[in-house]
Structure formats: structure tokens, C-alpha cells
């Protein structure tokens, strides 16, 4: 039982750290962090704002972007190059319109 707890306590954070990625496709943003996955339609994104909120999220730093989408849903991410990410999202949103 102790080995299981150690595996979860050490393994899950390492898995999250090594597998967190954001993939922008023409019509959707895919976010993956360990066993967790989000598929956000670009057309459903209502706003993107800077955030340093420490709430649990698939973001590897506190220099985050909060993405509001759908009906009251949000997700925080921390892309390496926020300016480029924002430009790419904006271009995808124009293409999805």
C-alpha cells in the first residue's frame, strides 16, 4: 500500500509536468496534462486574460492565461510564448468566424 501511495505521490506530478501541452488546431485548442484532456472550440472562446491565480490548472507556471469559453467555463494555461499564442488564437478565431 505504501508503494502505491509513493507511486501516486511522485509519479502523478512527474507525469503532469512532462506531458502538459497545448495544441492549437484550426478549430480547437487541445490541452493535455497527464490523464486530463480538454478540447475547446476556438469559436467558443469568449475571452483570454492574464492571470497569476494559483488555482489548480494545467499550467506549469503562475504566469498564466485564463481562457473563458462556453457557458461560464474557464481554464488557465501557461504557454511558453504568450504573445505568439495570443496572436495564433486570434488568427484562428478570425478563421473560425
C-alpha atoms as a PDB file:
ATOM      1  CA  UNK A   1       0.000   0.000   0.000  1.00  0.00           C
ATOM      2  CA  UNK A   2       2.827   2.416   0.820  1.00  0.00           C
ATOM      3  CA  UNK A   3       4.413   1.773  -2.571  1.00  0.00           C
ATOM      4  CA  UNK A   4       1.133   2.679  -4.276  1.00  0.00           C
ATOM      5  CA  UNK A   5       0.943   5.957  -2.369  1.00  0.00           C
ATOM      6  CA  UNK A   6       4.557   6.772  -3.276  1.00  0.00           C
ATOM      7  CA  UNK A   7       3.911   5.986  -6.944  1.00  0.00           C
ATOM      8  CA  UNK A   8       0.867   8.264  -6.977  1.00  0.00           C
ATOM      9  CA  UNK A   9       2.540  10.966  -4.871  1.00  0.00           C
ATOM     10  CA  UNK A  10       5.676  11.075  -7.030  1.00  0.00           C
ATOM     11  CA  UNK A  11       4.525   9.622 -10.347  1.00  0.00           C
ATOM     12  CA  UNK A  12       1.458  11.760 -10.988  1.00  0.00           C
ATOM     13  CA  UNK A  13       3.218  15.137 -10.576  1.00  0.00           C
ATOM     14  CA  UNK A  14       6.057  13.972 -12.836  1.00  0.00           C
ATOM     15  CA  UNK A  15       3.532  12.743 -15.420  1.00  0.00           C
ATOM     16  CA  UNK A  16       1.729  16.099 -15.286  1.00  0.00           C
ATOM     17  CA  UNK A  17       4.996  18.014 -15.591  1.00  0.00           C
ATOM     18  CA  UNK A  18       6.262  16.010 -18.565  1.00  0.00           C
ATOM     19  CA  UNK A  19       3.016  15.720 -20.502  1.00  0.00           C
ATOM     20  CA  UNK A  20       1.433  19.178 -20.253  1.00  0.00           C
ATOM     21  CA  UNK A  21       0.990  20.614 -23.720  1.00  0.00           C
ATOM     22  CA  UNK A  22      -1.279  22.927 -25.648  1.00  0.00           C
ATOM     23  CA  UNK A  23      -2.047  22.256 -29.308  1.00  0.00           C
ATOM     24  CA  UNK A  24      -3.857  24.842 -31.389  1.00  0.00           C
ATOM     25  CA  UNK A  25      -5.644  23.341 -34.357  1.00  0.00           C
ATOM     26  CA  UNK A  26      -7.663  25.303 -36.924  1.00  0.00           C
ATOM     27  CA  UNK A  27     -10.936  24.883 -34.999  1.00  0.00           C
ATOM     28  CA  UNK A  28      -9.958  23.848 -31.492  1.00  0.00           C
ATOM     29  CA  UNK A  29      -7.452  24.195 -28.702  1.00  0.00           C
ATOM     30  CA  UNK A  30      -6.399  20.863 -27.236  1.00  0.00           C
ATOM     31  CA  UNK A  31      -4.948  20.899 -23.729  1.00  0.00           C
ATOM     32  CA  UNK A  32      -3.411  17.777 -22.211  1.00  0.00           C
ATOM     33  CA  UNK A  33      -1.890  17.344 -18.773  1.00  0.00           C
ATOM     34  CA  UNK A  34      -1.282  13.774 -17.668  1.00  0.00           C
ATOM     35  CA  UNK A  35      -4.597  11.900 -17.774  1.00  0.00           C
ATOM     36  CA  UNK A  36      -6.603  15.129 -18.164  1.00  0.00           C
ATOM     37  CA  UNK A  37      -7.700  16.454 -21.563  1.00  0.00           C
ATOM     38  CA  UNK A  38      -9.686  19.467 -22.695  1.00  0.00           C
ATOM     39  CA  UNK A  39     -10.955  20.214 -26.201  1.00  0.00           C
ATOM     40  CA  UNK A  40     -12.044  23.842 -26.517  1.00  0.00           C
ATOM     41  CA  UNK A  41     -13.627  25.034 -29.746  1.00  0.00           C
ATOM     42  CA  UNK A  42     -11.913  28.229 -30.870  1.00  0.00           C
ATOM     43  CA  UNK A  43     -15.308  29.717 -31.713  1.00  0.00           C
ATOM     44  CA  UNK A  44     -16.441  29.140 -28.085  1.00  0.00           C
ATOM     45  CA  UNK A  45     -13.615  31.232 -26.581  1.00  0.00           C
ATOM     46  CA  UNK A  46     -15.128  34.424 -25.180  1.00  0.00           C
ATOM     47  CA  UNK A  47     -12.034  35.994 -23.616  1.00  0.00           C
ATOM     48  CA  UNK A  48      -8.381  35.451 -22.753  1.00  0.00           C
ATOM     49  CA  UNK A  49      -6.890  37.407 -19.864  1.00  0.00           C
ATOM     50  CA  UNK A  50      -3.585  37.343 -17.978  1.00  0.00           C
ATOM     51  CA  UNK A  51      -3.739  35.670 -14.573  1.00  0.00           C
ATOM     52  CA  UNK A  52      -1.478  34.705 -11.717  1.00  0.00           C
ATOM     53  CA  UNK A  53      -4.186  32.736  -9.914  1.00  0.00           C
ATOM     54  CA  UNK A  54      -2.709  29.699  -8.134  1.00  0.00           C
ATOM     55  CA  UNK A  55      -5.796  27.505  -8.534  1.00  0.00           C
ATOM     56  CA  UNK A  56      -5.150  24.034  -9.869  1.00  0.00           C
ATOM     57  CA  UNK A  57      -4.892  24.115 -13.634  1.00  0.00           C
ATOM     58  CA  UNK A  58      -2.847  22.623 -16.494  1.00  0.00           C
ATOM     59  CA  UNK A  59      -0.348  25.467 -16.217  1.00  0.00           C
ATOM     60  CA  UNK A  60       3.280  24.926 -15.266  1.00  0.00           C
ATOM     61  CA  UNK A  61       3.888  28.473 -14.008  1.00  0.00           C
ATOM     62  CA  UNK A  62       1.933  31.250 -12.313  1.00  0.00           C
ATOM     63  CA  UNK A  63       2.371  33.469 -15.392  1.00  0.00           C
ATOM     64  CA  UNK A  64      -0.878  32.232 -16.911  1.00  0.00           C
ATOM     65  CA  UNK A  65      -3.608  32.999 -19.355  1.00  0.00           C
ATOM     66  CA  UNK A  66      -7.198  32.438 -18.297  1.00  0.00           C
ATOM     67  CA  UNK A  67      -9.337  31.220 -21.176  1.00  0.00           C
ATOM     68  CA  UNK A  68     -13.078  31.748 -20.744  1.00  0.00           C
ATOM     69  CA  UNK A  69     -15.227  29.669 -23.043  1.00  0.00           C
ATOM     70  CA  UNK A  70     -18.653  28.162 -23.440  1.00  0.00           C
ATOM     71  CA  UNK A  71     -21.211  28.975 -20.768  1.00  0.00           C
ATOM     72  CA  UNK A  72     -19.169  30.090 -17.787  1.00  0.00           C
ATOM     73  CA  UNK A  73     -16.275  27.677 -18.169  1.00  0.00           C
ATOM     74  CA  UNK A  74     -12.620  28.623 -17.833  1.00  0.00           C
ATOM     75  CA  UNK A  75      -9.175  27.072 -17.938  1.00  0.00           C
ATOM     76  CA  UNK A  76      -5.765  28.510 -17.124  1.00  0.00           C
ATOM     77  CA  UNK A  77      -2.711  27.667 -19.194  1.00  0.00           C
ATOM     78  CA  UNK A  78       0.869  28.908 -19.359  1.00  0.00           C
ATOM     79  CA  UNK A  79       2.224  28.778 -22.907  1.00  0.00           C
ATOM     80  CA  UNK A  80       5.954  29.492 -23.233  1.00  0.00           C
ATOM     81  CA  UNK A  81       5.386  32.397 -25.587  1.00  0.00           C
ATOM     82  CA  UNK A  82       2.153  34.088 -24.535  1.00  0.00           C
ATOM     83  CA  UNK A  83       2.291  36.821 -27.184  1.00  0.00           C
ATOM     84  CA  UNK A  84       2.653  34.320 -30.020  1.00  0.00           C
ATOM     85  CA  UNK A  85      -0.056  32.117 -28.526  1.00  0.00           C
ATOM     86  CA  UNK A  86      -2.436  35.085 -28.354  1.00  0.00           C
ATOM     87  CA  UNK A  87      -1.668  36.033 -31.980  1.00  0.00           C
ATOM     88  CA  UNK A  88      -2.249  32.439 -33.114  1.00  0.00           C
ATOM     89  CA  UNK A  89      -5.522  32.168 -31.172  1.00  0.00           C
ATOM     90  CA  UNK A  90      -6.745  35.466 -32.598  1.00  0.00           C
ATOM     91  CA  UNK A  91      -5.902  34.303 -36.138  1.00  0.00           C
ATOM     92  CA  UNK A  92      -7.743  31.015 -35.520  1.00  0.00           C
ATOM     93  CA  UNK A  93     -10.754  32.898 -34.125  1.00  0.00           C
ATOM     94  CA  UNK A  94     -10.893  35.076 -37.258  1.00  0.00           C
ATOM     95  CA  UNK A  95     -10.695  31.928 -39.387  1.00  0.00           C
ATOM     96  CA  UNK A  96     -13.459  30.243 -37.406  1.00  0.00           C
ATOM     97  CA  UNK A  97     -15.853  33.170 -37.841  1.00  0.00           C
END
